[in-house]
Amino acid sequence: MLRRLAAVAGLAAIAAVSGCATTVHLEPAPRADDPLCAEVSVRMPDTVAGLERHWTDAQATAVWGDPTAVILTCGLEALAPTTEQCVTIDGVDWVVDETDRPNLRMTTYGREPAVQVYVDTTVVTADSVLAGSALGGPVSTIPKTTQCTDPDTADPDVDDAPTTESDGD
């Protein structure tokens, strides 16, 4: 009986350790429980830019790579207009934060809640992570309310008013 109990305890310990080995600890964003984040989460691909997905312990998050090279977090507050670089990849606008080079932190602009993707560019390119059906597809399920504008062509008489998209995206 004691031997059986020890064996069960040993197997439980192995299962617990092996279960934790593939789970990445992250903190959820303040609005991670938003139903739109659930829509994004269920559409996360198993691979991104050739990197396998690993499980996280936080709602509305996902990671890829071993070690982790891509981190997605949904549920952030929408960004206010900014002078930071904003790029459009497959219909999704991303504000690019390069302060942690070679890592990039890219946050959606014009979608609420916002989604942030952290990319280790020594492993993969941001384009390969965000383009098309990789992460851009799932993120595009959050409705677009505003878009990036070129500061050189923006109307100087409009105070931080975002331009709305006219094609129904």
C-alpha atoms as a PDB file:
ATOM      1  CA  MET A   1       0.000   0.000   0.000  1.00  0.00           C
ATOM      2  CA  LEU A   2       2.782   2.407   0.929  1.00  0.00           C
ATOM      3  CA  ARG A   3       4.664   1.531  -2.268  1.00  0.00           C
ATOM      4  CA  ARG A   4       1.530   2.200  -4.372  1.00  0.00           C
ATOM      5  CA  LEU A   5       0.977   5.548  -2.620  1.00  0.00           C
ATOM      6  CA  ALA A   6       4.610   6.518  -3.256  1.00  0.00           C
ATOM      7  CA  ALA A   7       4.275   5.544  -6.934  1.00  0.00           C
ATOM      8  CA  VAL A   8       1.099   7.602  -7.343  1.00  0.00           C
ATOM      9  CA  ALA A   9       2.712  10.571  -5.592  1.00  0.00           C
ATOM     10  CA  GLY A  10       5.777  10.229  -7.823  1.00  0.00           C
ATOM     11  CA  LEU A  11       3.667  10.133 -10.986  1.00  0.00           C
ATOM     12  CA  ALA A  12       1.680  13.138  -9.809  1.00  0.00           C
ATOM     13  CA  ALA A  13       4.906  15.060  -9.196  1.00  0.00           C
ATOM     14  CA  ILE A  14       6.224  14.151 -12.656  1.00  0.00           C
ATOM     15  CA  ALA A  15       2.935  15.189 -14.256  1.00  0.00           C
ATOM     16  CA  ALA A  16       2.968  18.486 -12.384  1.00  0.00           C
ATOM     17  CA  VAL A  17       6.556  19.262 -13.373  1.00  0.00           C
ATOM     18  CA  SER A  18       6.076  18.248 -16.998  1.00  0.00           C
ATOM     19  CA  GLY A  19       2.859  20.267 -17.186  1.00  0.00           C
ATOM     20  CA  CYS A  20       4.599  23.368 -15.916  1.00  0.00           C
ATOM     21  CA  ALA A  21       7.580  22.962 -18.219  1.00  0.00           C
ATOM     22  CA  THR A  22       5.561  23.947 -21.287  1.00  0.00           C
ATOM     23  CA  THR A  23       3.458  26.662 -19.657  1.00  0.00           C
ATOM     24  CA  VAL A  24       4.780  30.225 -19.848  1.00  0.00           C
ATOM     25  CA  HIS A  25       3.887  32.590 -17.002  1.00  0.00           C
ATOM     26  CA  LEU A  26       2.404  35.906 -18.163  1.00  0.00           C
ATOM     27  CA  GLU A  27       0.245  38.593 -16.606  1.00  0.00           C
ATOM     28  CA  PRO A  28      -3.135  39.179 -18.289  1.00  0.00           C
ATOM     29  CA  ALA A  29      -3.945  42.629 -19.650  1.00  0.00           C
ATOM     30  CA  PRO A  30      -6.542  44.722 -17.782  1.00  0.00           C
ATOM     31  CA  ARG A  31      -9.272  43.915 -20.329  1.00  0.00           C
ATOM     32  CA  ALA A  32      -8.279  40.308 -21.058  1.00  0.00           C
ATOM     33  CA  ASP A  33     -11.839  39.208 -20.292  1.00  0.00           C
ATOM     34  CA  ASP A  34     -13.271  41.245 -23.189  1.00  0.00           C
ATOM     35  CA  PRO A  35     -15.278  38.945 -25.511  1.00  0.00           C
ATOM     36  CA  LEU A  36     -13.336  40.322 -28.493  1.00  0.00           C
ATOM     37  CA  CYS A  37     -10.134  38.954 -26.931  1.00  0.00           C
ATOM     38  CA  ALA A  38     -11.816  35.559 -26.715  1.00  0.00           C
ATOM     39  CA  GLU A  39     -12.493  35.818 -30.467  1.00  0.00           C
ATOM     40  CA  VAL A  40      -8.813  36.545 -31.072  1.00  0.00           C
ATOM     41  CA  SER A  41      -7.661  33.781 -28.714  1.00  0.00           C
ATOM     42  CA  VAL A  42      -9.648  31.000 -30.359  1.00  0.00           C
ATOM     43  CA  ARG A  43      -8.105  31.916 -33.710  1.00  0.00           C
ATOM     44  CA  MET A  44      -4.473  31.730 -32.593  1.00  0.00           C
ATOM     45  CA  PRO A  45      -2.442  29.500 -34.920  1.00  0.00           C
ATOM     46  CA  ASP A  46      -0.384  26.527 -33.734  1.00  0.00           C
ATOM     47  CA  THR A  47       2.667  27.947 -35.504  1.00  0.00           C
ATOM     48  CA  VAL A  48       3.796  31.475 -36.312  1.00  0.00           C
ATOM     49  CA  ALA A  49       6.735  32.030 -38.663  1.00  0.00           C
ATOM     50  CA  GLY A  50       7.732  28.399 -38.125  1.00  0.00           C
ATOM     51  CA  LEU A  51       7.639  28.668 -34.316  1.00  0.00           C
ATOM     52  CA  GLU A  52       5.478  26.276 -32.279  1.00  0.00           C
ATOM     53  CA  ARG A  53       2.890  27.653 -29.869  1.00  0.00           C
ATOM     54  CA  HIS A  54       3.276  27.051 -26.133  1.00  0.00           C
ATOM     55  CA  TRP A  55       0.619  27.460 -23.461  1.00  0.00           C
ATOM     56  CA  THR A  56       0.446  30.382 -21.054  1.00  0.00           C
ATOM     57  CA  ASP A  57      -1.208  30.770 -17.676  1.00  0.00           C
ATOM     58  CA  ALA A  58      -2.858  34.125 -18.460  1.00  0.00           C
ATOM     59  CA  GLN A  59      -6.138  34.802 -20.219  1.00  0.00           C
ATOM     60  CA  ALA A  60      -5.978  36.267 -23.764  1.00  0.00           C
ATOM     61  CA  THR A  61      -2.255  35.619 -24.220  1.00  0.00           C
ATOM     62  CA  ALA A  62      -0.219  33.362 -26.485  1.00  0.00           C
ATOM     63  CA  VAL A  63       3.472  32.634 -27.059  1.00  0.00           C
ATOM     64  CA  TRP A  64       5.506  30.949 -29.787  1.00  0.00           C
ATOM     65  CA  GLY A  65       9.063  29.630 -29.844  1.00  0.00           C
ATOM     66  CA  ASP A  66      11.353  27.805 -27.450  1.00  0.00           C
ATOM     67  CA  PRO A  67      12.762  29.954 -26.012  1.00  0.00           C
ATOM     68  CA  THR A  68       9.858  32.338 -26.439  1.00  0.00           C
ATOM     69  CA  ALA A  69      10.317  34.667 -29.426  1.00  0.00           C
ATOM     70  CA  VAL A  70       6.753  35.977 -29.892  1.00  0.00           C
ATOM     71  CA  ILE A  71       4.307  37.067 -27.175  1.00  0.00           C
ATOM     72  CA  LEU A  72       0.740  38.207 -27.872  1.00  0.00           C
ATOM     73  CA  THR A  73      -1.412  39.964 -25.271  1.00  0.00           C
ATOM     74  CA  CYS A  74      -5.000  41.064 -25.900  1.00  0.00           C
ATOM     75  CA  GLY A  75      -6.965  43.380 -23.638  1.00  0.00           C
ATOM     76  CA  LEU A  76      -4.922  46.559 -23.461  1.00  0.00           C
ATOM     77  CA  GLU A  77      -6.471  50.016 -23.540  1.00  0.00           C
ATOM     78  CA  ALA A  78      -6.663  51.476 -27.043  1.00  0.00           C
ATOM     79  CA  LEU A  79      -3.775  53.760 -27.939  1.00  0.00           C
ATOM     80  CA  ALA A  80      -4.336  57.493 -28.200  1.00  0.00           C
ATOM     81  CA  PRO A  81      -3.022  59.313 -31.278  1.00  0.00           C
ATOM     82  CA  THR A  82       0.759  59.269 -31.259  1.00  0.00           C
ATOM     83  CA  THR A  83       3.755  60.468 -33.226  1.00  0.00           C
ATOM     84  CA  GLU A  84       5.350  57.007 -32.980  1.00  0.00           C
ATOM     85  CA  GLN A  85       5.839  55.043 -36.182  1.00  0.00           C
ATOM     86  CA  CYS A  86       2.610  53.391 -37.316  1.00  0.00           C
ATOM     87  CA  VAL A  87       2.609  50.724 -40.018  1.00  0.00           C
ATOM     88  CA  THR A  88      -0.220  48.911 -41.741  1.00  0.00           C
ATOM     89  CA  ILE A  89       0.252  45.193 -42.329  1.00  0.00           C
ATOM     90  CA  ASP A  90      -2.585  43.394 -44.109  1.00  0.00           C
ATOM     91  CA  GLY A  91      -5.176  45.934 -42.999  1.00  0.00           C
ATOM     92  CA  VAL A  92      -4.127  46.069 -39.340  1.00  0.00           C
ATOM     93  CA  ASP A  93      -2.414  49.230 -38.050  1.00  0.00           C
ATOM     94  CA  TRP A  94       0.443  48.711 -35.591  1.00  0.00           C
ATOM     95  CA  VAL A  95       2.317  51.323 -33.539  1.00  0.00           C
ATOM     96  CA  VAL A  96       5.957  50.251 -33.373  1.00  0.00           C
ATOM     97  CA  ASP A  97       7.998  50.654 -30.180  1.00  0.00           C
ATOM     98  CA  GLU A  98      11.698  50.068 -30.841  1.00  0.00           C
ATOM     99  CA  THR A  99      13.010  51.059 -27.394  1.00  0.00           C
ATOM    100  CA  ASP A 100      13.984  47.451 -26.615  1.00  0.00           C
ATOM    101  CA  ARG A 101      15.827  46.742 -29.898  1.00  0.00           C
ATOM    102  CA  PRO A 102      16.356  44.107 -31.282  1.00  0.00           C
ATOM    103  CA  ASN A 103      12.971  43.290 -29.779  1.00  0.00           C
ATOM    104  CA  LEU A 104       9.932  45.107 -31.128  1.00  0.00           C
ATOM    105  CA  ARG A 105       6.746  45.836 -29.237  1.00  0.00           C
ATOM    106  CA  MET A 106       3.896  46.410 -31.683  1.00  0.00           C
ATOM    107  CA  THR A 107       0.467  47.529 -30.486  1.00  0.00           C
ATOM    108  CA  THR A 108      -2.670  47.766 -32.586  1.00  0.00           C
ATOM    109  CA  TYR A 109      -3.966  51.227 -33.349  1.00  0.00           C
ATOM    110  CA  GLY A 110      -7.647  51.869 -33.954  1.00  0.00           C
ATOM    111  CA  ARG A 111      -8.909  48.657 -32.365  1.00  0.00           C
ATOM    112  CA  GLU A 112     -10.404  48.299 -28.899  1.00  0.00           C
ATOM    113  CA  PRO A 113      -9.331  46.439 -26.919  1.00  0.00           C
ATOM    114  CA  ALA A 114      -5.788  46.756 -28.195  1.00  0.00           C
ATOM    115  CA  VAL A 115      -3.511  43.813 -28.913  1.00  0.00           C
ATOM    116  CA  GLN A 116       0.233  43.902 -28.303  1.00  0.00           C
ATOM    117  CA  VAL A 117       2.777  41.620 -29.934  1.00  0.00           C
ATOM    118  CA  TYR A 118       6.349  41.407 -28.665  1.00  0.00           C
ATOM    119  CA  VAL A 119       8.774  40.038 -31.276  1.00  0.00           C
ATOM    120  CA  ASP A 120      12.400  38.957 -30.814  1.00  0.00           C
ATOM    121  CA  THR A 121      13.714  40.021 -34.220  1.00  0.00           C
ATOM    122  CA  THR A 122      16.911  38.011 -33.764  1.00  0.00           C
ATOM    123  CA  VAL A 123      14.689  34.939 -34.249  1.00  0.00           C
ATOM    124  CA  VAL A 124      11.879  36.056 -36.608  1.00  0.00           C
ATOM    125  CA  THR A 125      10.836  39.179 -38.498  1.00  0.00           C
ATOM    126  CA  ALA A 126       7.869  41.240 -37.390  1.00  0.00           C
ATOM    127  CA  ASP A 127       6.406  40.987 -40.911  1.00  0.00           C
ATOM    128  CA  SER A 128       6.432  37.177 -40.802  1.00  0.00           C
ATOM    129  CA  VAL A 129       4.641  37.249 -37.444  1.00  0.00           C
ATOM    130  CA  LEU A 130       2.002  39.872 -38.237  1.00  0.00           C
ATOM    131  CA  ALA A 131       1.243  39.243 -41.906  1.00  0.00           C
ATOM    132  CA  GLY A 132      -1.860  37.547 -43.246  1.00  0.00           C
ATOM    133  CA  SER A 133      -3.089  34.500 -41.456  1.00  0.00           C
ATOM    134  CA  ALA A 134      -0.288  34.528 -38.890  1.00  0.00           C
ATOM    135  CA  LEU A 135      -1.450  37.004 -36.237  1.00  0.00           C
ATOM    136  CA  GLY A 136      -2.935  39.719 -38.434  1.00  0.00           C
ATOM    137  CA  GLY A 137      -5.878  37.496 -39.321  1.00  0.00           C
ATOM    138  CA  PRO A 138      -6.993  36.770 -35.748  1.00  0.00           C
ATOM    139  CA  VAL A 139      -6.374  40.374 -34.654  1.00  0.00           C
ATOM    140  CA  SER A 140      -8.442  41.726 -37.548  1.00  0.00           C
ATOM    141  CA  THR A 141     -11.553  40.215 -35.907  1.00  0.00           C
ATOM    142  CA  ILE A 142     -11.522  43.211 -33.540  1.00  0.00           C
ATOM    143  CA  PRO A 143     -13.415  45.954 -35.409  1.00  0.00           C
ATOM    144  CA  LYS A 144     -11.348  48.819 -36.787  1.00  0.00           C
ATOM    145  CA  THR A 145     -12.504  52.236 -35.575  1.00  0.00           C
ATOM    146  CA  THR A 146      -9.630  54.491 -36.684  1.00  0.00           C
ATOM    147  CA  GLN A 147      -6.476  54.200 -38.742  1.00  0.00           C
ATOM    148  CA  CYS A 148      -2.929  55.479 -38.903  1.00  0.00           C
ATOM    149  CA  THR A 149      -2.454  58.768 -40.693  1.00  0.00           C
ATOM    150  CA  ASP A 150       0.651  60.228 -42.267  1.00  0.00           C
ATOM    151  CA  PRO A 151       1.667  63.268 -40.184  1.00  0.00           C
ATOM    152  CA  ASP A 152       2.783  65.019 -43.385  1.00  0.00           C
ATOM    153  CA  THR A 153      -0.724  64.801 -44.866  1.00  0.00           C
ATOM    154  CA  ALA A 154      -2.849  65.070 -41.703  1.00  0.00           C
ATOM    155  CA  ASP A 155      -5.124  68.111 -41.431  1.00  0.00           C
ATOM    156  CA  PRO A 156      -3.362  70.541 -39.055  1.00  0.00           C
ATOM    157  CA  ASP A 157      -6.724  72.074 -38.057  1.00  0.00           C
ATOM    158  CA  VAL A 158      -8.016  68.815 -36.612  1.00  0.00           C
ATOM    159  CA  ASP A 159      -6.886  68.180 -33.040  1.00  0.00           C
ATOM    160  CA  ASP A 160      -5.875  64.520 -32.801  1.00  0.00           C
ATOM    161  CA  ALA A 161      -8.998  63.375 -34.643  1.00  0.00           C
ATOM    162  CA  PRO A 162      -8.344  59.953 -36.123  1.00  0.00           C
ATOM    163  CA  THR A 163      -9.247  59.289 -39.727  1.00  0.00           C
ATOM    164  CA  THR A 164     -11.945  56.702 -40.216  1.00  0.00           C
ATOM    165  CA  GLU A 165     -11.633  54.005 -42.835  1.00  0.00           C
ATOM    166  CA  SER A 166     -14.097  54.362 -45.699  1.00  0.00           C
ATOM    167  CA  ASP A 167     -13.943  50.875 -47.220  1.00  0.00           C
ATOM    168  CA  GLY A 168     -15.845  49.209 -44.368  1.00  0.00           C
ATOM    169  CA  ASP A 169     -12.857  47.311 -42.894  1.00  0.00           C
END
